[in-house]
């Protein structure tokens, strides 16, 4: 299981609801969550074999900034 962590511009529960169908459509995502209280609006994803570029692309299509964070 891989863990990917991203800094995003997703800031509200309504915006999370907008990206939810996009993220759940990716079969490699086992679980995800947003920390909207964090200043970086962190998206944490547990996946199997998912490339970070895929998440960047999906969020950018939805109109959000997304950048992988080192950990």
PDB file of N, CA and C in Angstrom:
ATOM      1  N   UNK A   1       0.850  -1.171   0.000  1.00  0.00           N
ATOM      2  CA  UNK A   1       0.000   0.000   0.000  1.00  0.00           C
ATOM      3  C   UNK A   1       0.896   1.234   0.000  1.00  0.00           C
ATOM      4  N   UNK A   2       0.625   2.152  -0.904  1.00  0.00           N
ATOM      5  CA  UNK A   2       1.359   3.411  -0.994  1.00  0.00           C
ATOM      6  C   UNK A   2       0.538   4.519  -0.357  1.00  0.00           C
ATOM      7  N   UNK A   3       1.222   5.487   0.229  1.00  0.00           N
ATOM      8  CA  UNK A   3       0.569   6.682   0.759  1.00  0.00           C
ATOM      9  C   UNK A   3       1.102   7.874  -0.019  1.00  0.00           C
ATOM     10  N   UNK A   4       0.187   8.648  -0.575  1.00  0.00           N
ATOM     11  CA  UNK A   4       0.535   9.869  -1.303  1.00  0.00           C
ATOM     12  C   UNK A   4      -0.044  11.049  -0.540  1.00  0.00           C
ATOM     13  N   UNK A   5       0.724  12.122  -0.431  1.00  0.00           N
ATOM     14  CA  UNK A   5       0.282  13.311   0.293  1.00  0.00           C
ATOM     15  C   UNK A   5       0.454  14.518  -0.618  1.00  0.00           C
ATOM     16  N   UNK A   6      -0.605  15.337  -0.678  1.00  0.00           N
ATOM     17  CA  UNK A   6      -0.620  16.485  -1.576  1.00  0.00           C
ATOM     18  C   UNK A   6      -1.050  17.749  -0.848  1.00  0.00           C
ATOM     19  N   UNK A   7      -0.452  18.861  -1.232  1.00  0.00           N
ATOM     20  CA  UNK A   7      -0.919  20.197  -0.873  1.00  0.00           C
ATOM     21  C   UNK A   7      -1.928  20.572  -1.953  1.00  0.00           C
ATOM     22  N   UNK A   8      -3.121  21.049  -1.551  1.00  0.00           N
ATOM     23  CA  UNK A   8      -4.155  21.372  -2.534  1.00  0.00           C
ATOM     24  C   UNK A   8      -4.766  22.742  -2.254  1.00  0.00           C
ATOM     25  N   UNK A   9      -5.617  23.167  -3.169  1.00  0.00           N
ATOM     26  CA  UNK A   9      -6.394  24.393  -2.962  1.00  0.00           C
ATOM     27  C   UNK A   9      -7.857  24.067  -2.669  1.00  0.00           C
ATOM     28  N   UNK A  10      -8.156  22.809  -2.361  1.00  0.00           N
ATOM     29  CA  UNK A  10      -9.517  22.396  -1.987  1.00  0.00           C
ATOM     30  C   UNK A  10      -9.748  22.879  -0.559  1.00  0.00           C
ATOM     31  N   UNK A  11     -10.675  23.830  -0.367  1.00  0.00           N
ATOM     32  CA  UNK A  11     -10.768  24.514   0.918  1.00  0.00           C
ATOM     33  C   UNK A  11     -12.069  24.298   1.686  1.00  0.00           C
ATOM     34  N   UNK A  12     -13.100  23.782   1.043  1.00  0.00           N
ATOM     35  CA  UNK A  12     -14.396  23.642   1.715  1.00  0.00           C
ATOM     36  C   UNK A  12     -14.968  22.243   1.515  1.00  0.00           C
ATOM     37  N   UNK A  13     -15.953  21.908   2.333  1.00  0.00           N
ATOM     38  CA  UNK A  13     -16.631  20.618   2.183  1.00  0.00           C
ATOM     39  C   UNK A  13     -17.347  20.533   0.840  1.00  0.00           C
ATOM     40  N   UNK A  14     -17.838  21.660   0.352  1.00  0.00           N
ATOM     41  CA  UNK A  14     -18.497  21.676  -0.954  1.00  0.00           C
ATOM     42  C   UNK A  14     -17.500  21.345  -2.068  1.00  0.00           C
ATOM     43  N   UNK A  15     -16.292  21.848  -1.939  1.00  0.00           N
ATOM     44  CA  UNK A  15     -15.263  21.540  -2.937  1.00  0.00           C
ATOM     45  C   UNK A  15     -14.827  20.077  -2.845  1.00  0.00           C
ATOM     46  N   UNK A  16     -14.764  19.541  -1.635  1.00  0.00           N
ATOM     47  CA  UNK A  16     -14.469  18.111  -1.481  1.00  0.00           C
ATOM     48  C   UNK A  16     -15.547  17.295  -2.186  1.00  0.00           C
ATOM     49  N   UNK A  17     -16.800  17.701  -2.030  1.00  0.00           N
ATOM     50  CA  UNK A  17     -17.909  16.996  -2.689  1.00  0.00           C
ATOM     51  C   UNK A  17     -17.768  17.053  -4.210  1.00  0.00           C
ATOM     52  N   UNK A  18     -17.204  18.136  -4.723  1.00  0.00           N
ATOM     53  CA  UNK A  18     -16.982  18.258  -6.173  1.00  0.00           C
ATOM     54  C   UNK A  18     -15.936  17.279  -6.693  1.00  0.00           C
ATOM     55  N   UNK A  19     -14.889  17.043  -5.916  1.00  0.00           N
ATOM     56  CA  UNK A  19     -13.825  16.150  -6.377  1.00  0.00           C
ATOM     57  C   UNK A  19     -14.057  14.691  -5.972  1.00  0.00           C
ATOM     58  N   UNK A  20     -14.973  14.461  -5.053  1.00  0.00           N
ATOM     59  CA  UNK A  20     -15.240  13.094  -4.585  1.00  0.00           C
ATOM     60  C   UNK A  20     -15.522  12.112  -5.725  1.00  0.00           C
ATOM     61  N   UNK A  21     -16.431  12.423  -6.667  1.00  0.00           N
ATOM     62  CA  UNK A  21     -16.686  11.461  -7.749  1.00  0.00           C
ATOM     63  C   UNK A  21     -15.449  11.188  -8.606  1.00  0.00           C
ATOM     64  N   UNK A  22     -14.605  12.180  -8.767  1.00  0.00           N
ATOM     65  CA  UNK A  22     -13.388  12.000  -9.562  1.00  0.00           C
ATOM     66  C   UNK A  22     -12.407  11.065  -8.857  1.00  0.00           C
ATOM     67  N   UNK A  23     -12.254  11.263  -7.550  1.00  0.00           N
ATOM     68  CA  UNK A  23     -11.316  10.427  -6.805  1.00  0.00           C
ATOM     69  C   UNK A  23     -11.839   9.001  -6.651  1.00  0.00           C
ATOM     70  N   UNK A  24     -13.120   8.851  -6.401  1.00  0.00           N
ATOM     71  CA  UNK A  24     -13.667   7.500  -6.229  1.00  0.00           C
ATOM     72  C   UNK A  24     -13.735   6.739  -7.545  1.00  0.00           C
ATOM     73  N   UNK A  25     -13.635   7.442  -8.658  1.00  0.00           N
ATOM     74  CA  UNK A  25     -13.634   6.755  -9.956  1.00  0.00           C
ATOM     75  C   UNK A  25     -12.291   6.082 -10.251  1.00  0.00           C
ATOM     76  N   UNK A  26     -11.270   6.418  -9.480  1.00  0.00           N
ATOM     77  CA  UNK A  26      -9.944   5.819  -9.665  1.00  0.00           C
ATOM     78  C   UNK A  26      -9.849   4.545  -8.824  1.00  0.00           C
ATOM     79  N   UNK A  27      -9.840   3.408  -9.493  1.00  0.00           N
ATOM     80  CA  UNK A  27      -9.889   2.107  -8.813  1.00  0.00           C
ATOM     81  C   UNK A  27      -8.693   1.870  -7.892  1.00  0.00           C
ATOM     82  N   UNK A  28      -7.562   2.503  -8.170  1.00  0.00           N
ATOM     83  CA  UNK A  28      -6.362   2.272  -7.358  1.00  0.00           C
ATOM     84  C   UNK A  28      -6.414   2.971  -6.003  1.00  0.00           C
ATOM     85  N   UNK A  29      -7.347   3.912  -5.814  1.00  0.00           N
ATOM     86  CA  UNK A  29      -7.475   4.594  -4.531  1.00  0.00           C
ATOM     87  C   UNK A  29      -8.276   3.709  -3.589  1.00  0.00           C
ATOM     88  N   UNK A  30      -7.653   3.362  -2.470  1.00  0.00           N
ATOM     89  CA  UNK A  30      -8.331   2.544  -1.461  1.00  0.00           C
ATOM     90  C   UNK A  30      -9.036   3.420  -0.431  1.00  0.00           C
ATOM     91  N   UNK A  31      -8.429   4.563  -0.129  1.00  0.00           N
ATOM     92  CA  UNK A  31      -9.000   5.481   0.855  1.00  0.00           C
ATOM     93  C   UNK A  31      -8.352   6.845   0.653  1.00  0.00           C
ATOM     94  N   UNK A  32      -9.117   7.906   0.931  1.00  0.00           N
ATOM     95  CA  UNK A  32      -8.535   9.247   0.874  1.00  0.00           C
ATOM     96  C   UNK A  32      -9.210  10.125   1.911  1.00  0.00           C
ATOM     97  N   UNK A  33      -8.532  11.204   2.290  1.00  0.00           N
ATOM     98  CA  UNK A  33      -9.159  12.210   3.145  1.00  0.00           C
ATOM     99  C   UNK A  33      -8.461  13.544   2.949  1.00  0.00           C
ATOM    100  N   UNK A  34      -9.224  14.596   3.196  1.00  0.00           N
ATOM    101  CA  UNK A  34      -8.711  15.961   3.155  1.00  0.00           C
ATOM    102  C   UNK A  34      -8.622  16.478   4.577  1.00  0.00           C
ATOM    103  N   UNK A  35      -7.571  17.222   4.883  1.00  0.00           N
ATOM    104  CA  UNK A  35      -7.468  17.957   6.140  1.00  0.00           C
ATOM    105  C   UNK A  35      -7.653  19.430   5.798  1.00  0.00           C
ATOM    106  N   UNK A  36      -8.893  19.886   5.897  1.00  0.00           N
ATOM    107  CA  UNK A  36      -9.213  21.265   5.530  1.00  0.00           C
ATOM    108  C   UNK A  36      -8.766  22.262   6.591  1.00  0.00           C
ATOM    109  N   UNK A  37      -8.439  21.777   7.791  1.00  0.00           N
ATOM    110  CA  UNK A  37      -7.958  22.654   8.860  1.00  0.00           C
ATOM    111  C   UNK A  37      -6.483  23.006   8.666  1.00  0.00           C
ATOM    112  N   UNK A  38      -5.753  22.163   7.971  1.00  0.00           N
ATOM    113  CA  UNK A  38      -4.335  22.404   7.717  1.00  0.00           C
ATOM    114  C   UNK A  38      -4.185  23.549   6.719  1.00  0.00           C
ATOM    115  N   UNK A  39      -3.175  24.368   6.886  1.00  0.00           N
ATOM    116  CA  UNK A  39      -2.974  25.507   5.983  1.00  0.00           C
ATOM    117  C   UNK A  39      -2.699  25.061   4.550  1.00  0.00           C
ATOM    118  N   UNK A  40      -2.228  23.828   4.372  1.00  0.00           N
ATOM    119  CA  UNK A  40      -1.944  23.302   3.034  1.00  0.00           C
ATOM    120  C   UNK A  40      -3.106  22.523   2.438  1.00  0.00           C
ATOM    121  N   UNK A  41      -4.232  22.444   3.171  1.00  0.00           N
ATOM    122  CA  UNK A  41      -5.425  21.712   2.675  1.00  0.00           C
ATOM    123  C   UNK A  41      -5.003  20.335   2.157  1.00  0.00           C
ATOM    124  N   UNK A  42      -4.399  19.558   3.034  1.00  0.00           N
ATOM    125  CA  UNK A  42      -3.731  18.306   2.681  1.00  0.00           C
ATOM    126  C   UNK A  42      -4.717  17.229   2.234  1.00  0.00           C
ATOM    127  N   UNK A  43      -4.364  16.593   1.137  1.00  0.00           N
ATOM    128  CA  UNK A  43      -5.057  15.409   0.634  1.00  0.00           C
ATOM    129  C   UNK A  43      -4.133  14.221   0.859  1.00  0.00           C
ATOM    130  N   UNK A  44      -4.629  13.221   1.601  1.00  0.00           N
ATOM    131  CA  UNK A  44      -3.852  12.005   1.879  1.00  0.00           C
ATOM    132  C   UNK A  44      -4.564  10.846   1.204  1.00  0.00           C
ATOM    133  N   UNK A  45      -3.821  10.075   0.417  1.00  0.00           N
ATOM    134  CA  UNK A  45      -4.399   8.974  -0.354  1.00  0.00           C
ATOM    135  C   UNK A  45      -3.641   7.688  -0.053  1.00  0.00           C
ATOM    136  N   UNK A  46      -4.392   6.629   0.237  1.00  0.00           N
ATOM    137  CA  UNK A  46      -3.829   5.285   0.315  1.00  0.00           C
ATOM    138  C   UNK A  46      -4.204   4.588  -0.978  1.00  0.00           C
ATOM    139  N   UNK A  47      -3.199   4.042  -1.668  1.00  0.00           N
ATOM    140  CA  UNK A  47      -3.463   3.461  -2.987  1.00  0.00           C
ATOM    141  C   UNK A  47      -2.534   2.292  -3.268  1.00  0.00           C
ATOM    142  N   UNK A  48      -2.825   1.652  -4.367  1.00  0.00           N
ATOM    143  CA  UNK A  48      -1.950   0.598  -4.886  1.00  0.00           C
ATOM    144  C   UNK A  48      -1.506   1.006  -6.283  1.00  0.00           C
ATOM    145  N   UNK A  49      -0.261   1.448  -6.394  1.00  0.00           N
ATOM    146  CA  UNK A  49       0.328   1.715  -7.696  1.00  0.00           C
ATOM    147  C   UNK A  49      -0.134   2.976  -8.400  1.00  0.00           C
ATOM    148  N   UNK A  50      -0.739   3.896  -7.695  1.00  0.00           N
ATOM    149  CA  UNK A  50      -1.221   5.133  -8.315  1.00  0.00           C
ATOM    150  C   UNK A  50      -0.071   6.126  -8.456  1.00  0.00           C
ATOM    151  N   UNK A  51       0.048   6.722  -9.627  1.00  0.00           N
ATOM    152  CA  UNK A  51       1.087   7.725  -9.873  1.00  0.00           C
ATOM    153  C   UNK A  51       0.607   9.095  -9.380  1.00  0.00           C
ATOM    154  N   UNK A  52       1.466   9.855  -8.709  1.00  0.00           N
ATOM    155  CA  UNK A  52       1.082  11.188  -8.238  1.00  0.00           C
ATOM    156  C   UNK A  52       0.580  12.096  -9.363  1.00  0.00           C
ATOM    157  N   UNK A  53       1.126  11.939 -10.563  1.00  0.00           N
ATOM    158  CA  UNK A  53       0.707  12.769 -11.692  1.00  0.00           C
ATOM    159  C   UNK A  53      -0.779  12.582 -12.005  1.00  0.00           C
ATOM    160  N   UNK A  54      -1.299  11.394 -11.739  1.00  0.00           N
ATOM    161  CA  UNK A  54      -2.719  11.132 -11.978  1.00  0.00           C
ATOM    162  C   UNK A  54      -3.572  12.021 -11.088  1.00  0.00           C
ATOM    163  N   UNK A  55      -3.216  12.127  -9.819  1.00  0.00           N
ATOM    164  CA  UNK A  55      -3.970  12.967  -8.882  1.00  0.00           C
ATOM    165  C   UNK A  55      -3.829  14.428  -9.266  1.00  0.00           C
ATOM    166  N   UNK A  56      -2.615  14.850  -9.609  1.00  0.00           N
ATOM    167  CA  UNK A  56      -2.416  16.234 -10.064  1.00  0.00           C
ATOM    168  C   UNK A  56      -3.343  16.545 -11.226  1.00  0.00           C
ATOM    169  N   UNK A  57      -3.394  15.664 -12.187  1.00  0.00           N
ATOM    170  CA  UNK A  57      -4.216  15.862 -13.382  1.00  0.00           C
ATOM    171  C   UNK A  57      -5.704  15.934 -13.029  1.00  0.00           C
ATOM    172  N   UNK A  58      -6.171  15.009 -12.218  1.00  0.00           N
ATOM    173  CA  UNK A  58      -7.595  14.958 -11.851  1.00  0.00           C
ATOM    174  C   UNK A  58      -8.010  16.232 -11.119  1.00  0.00           C
ATOM    175  N   UNK A  59      -7.219  16.681 -10.152  1.00  0.00           N
ATOM    176  CA  UNK A  59      -7.586  17.890  -9.420  1.00  0.00           C
ATOM    177  C   UNK A  59      -7.483  19.132 -10.300  1.00  0.00           C
ATOM    178  N   UNK A  60      -6.507  19.183 -11.185  1.00  0.00           N
ATOM    179  CA  UNK A  60      -6.387  20.336 -12.075  1.00  0.00           C
ATOM    180  C   UNK A  60      -7.563  20.415 -13.037  1.00  0.00           C
ATOM    181  N   UNK A  61      -8.037  19.275 -13.520  1.00  0.00           N
ATOM    182  CA  UNK A  61      -9.224  19.263 -14.379  1.00  0.00           C
ATOM    183  C   UNK A  61     -10.422  19.848 -13.631  1.00  0.00           C
ATOM    184  N   UNK A  62     -10.500  19.560 -12.326  1.00  0.00           N
ATOM    185  CA  UNK A  62     -11.606  20.065 -11.508  1.00  0.00           C
ATOM    186  C   UNK A  62     -11.406  21.528 -11.112  1.00  0.00           C
ATOM    187  N   UNK A  63     -10.255  22.110 -11.469  1.00  0.00           N
ATOM    188  CA  UNK A  63     -10.015  23.527 -11.205  1.00  0.00           C
ATOM    189  C   UNK A  63      -9.248  23.817  -9.928  1.00  0.00           C
ATOM    190  N   UNK A  64      -8.546  22.821  -9.396  1.00  0.00           N
ATOM    191  CA  UNK A  64      -7.813  23.005  -8.145  1.00  0.00           C
ATOM    192  C   UNK A  64      -6.314  22.833  -8.358  1.00  0.00           C
ATOM    193  N   UNK A  65      -5.550  23.522  -7.519  1.00  0.00           N
ATOM    194  CA  UNK A  65      -4.103  23.335  -7.497  1.00  0.00           C
ATOM    195  C   UNK A  65      -3.797  22.081  -6.686  1.00  0.00           C
ATOM    196  N   UNK A  66      -2.733  21.395  -7.058  1.00  0.00           N
ATOM    197  CA  UNK A  66      -2.356  20.165  -6.372  1.00  0.00           C
ATOM    198  C   UNK A  66      -0.861  19.947  -6.559  1.00  0.00           C
ATOM    199  N   UNK A  67      -0.169  19.695  -5.447  1.00  0.00           N
ATOM    200  CA  UNK A  67       1.278  19.480  -5.502  1.00  0.00           C
ATOM    201  C   UNK A  67       1.649  18.387  -4.505  1.00  0.00           C
ATOM    202  N   UNK A  68       2.375  17.380  -4.970  1.00  0.00           N
ATOM    203  CA  UNK A  68       2.790  16.303  -4.066  1.00  0.00           C
ATOM    204  C   UNK A  68       3.746  16.859  -3.014  1.00  0.00           C
ATOM    205  N   UNK A  69       3.566  16.406  -1.777  1.00  0.00           N
ATOM    206  CA  UNK A  69       4.417  16.829  -0.668  1.00  0.00           C
ATOM    207  C   UNK A  69       5.337  15.679  -0.269  1.00  0.00           C
ATOM    208  N   UNK A  70       6.605  15.976  -0.020  1.00  0.00           N
ATOM    209  CA  UNK A  70       7.501  14.927   0.480  1.00  0.00           C
ATOM    210  C   UNK A  70       7.165  14.609   1.936  1.00  0.00           C
ATOM    211  N   UNK A  71       7.411  13.382   2.322  1.00  0.00           N
ATOM    212  CA  UNK A  71       7.228  13.017   3.737  1.00  0.00           C
ATOM    213  C   UNK A  71       8.272  12.026   4.162  1.00  0.00           C
TER     214      UNK A  71
END
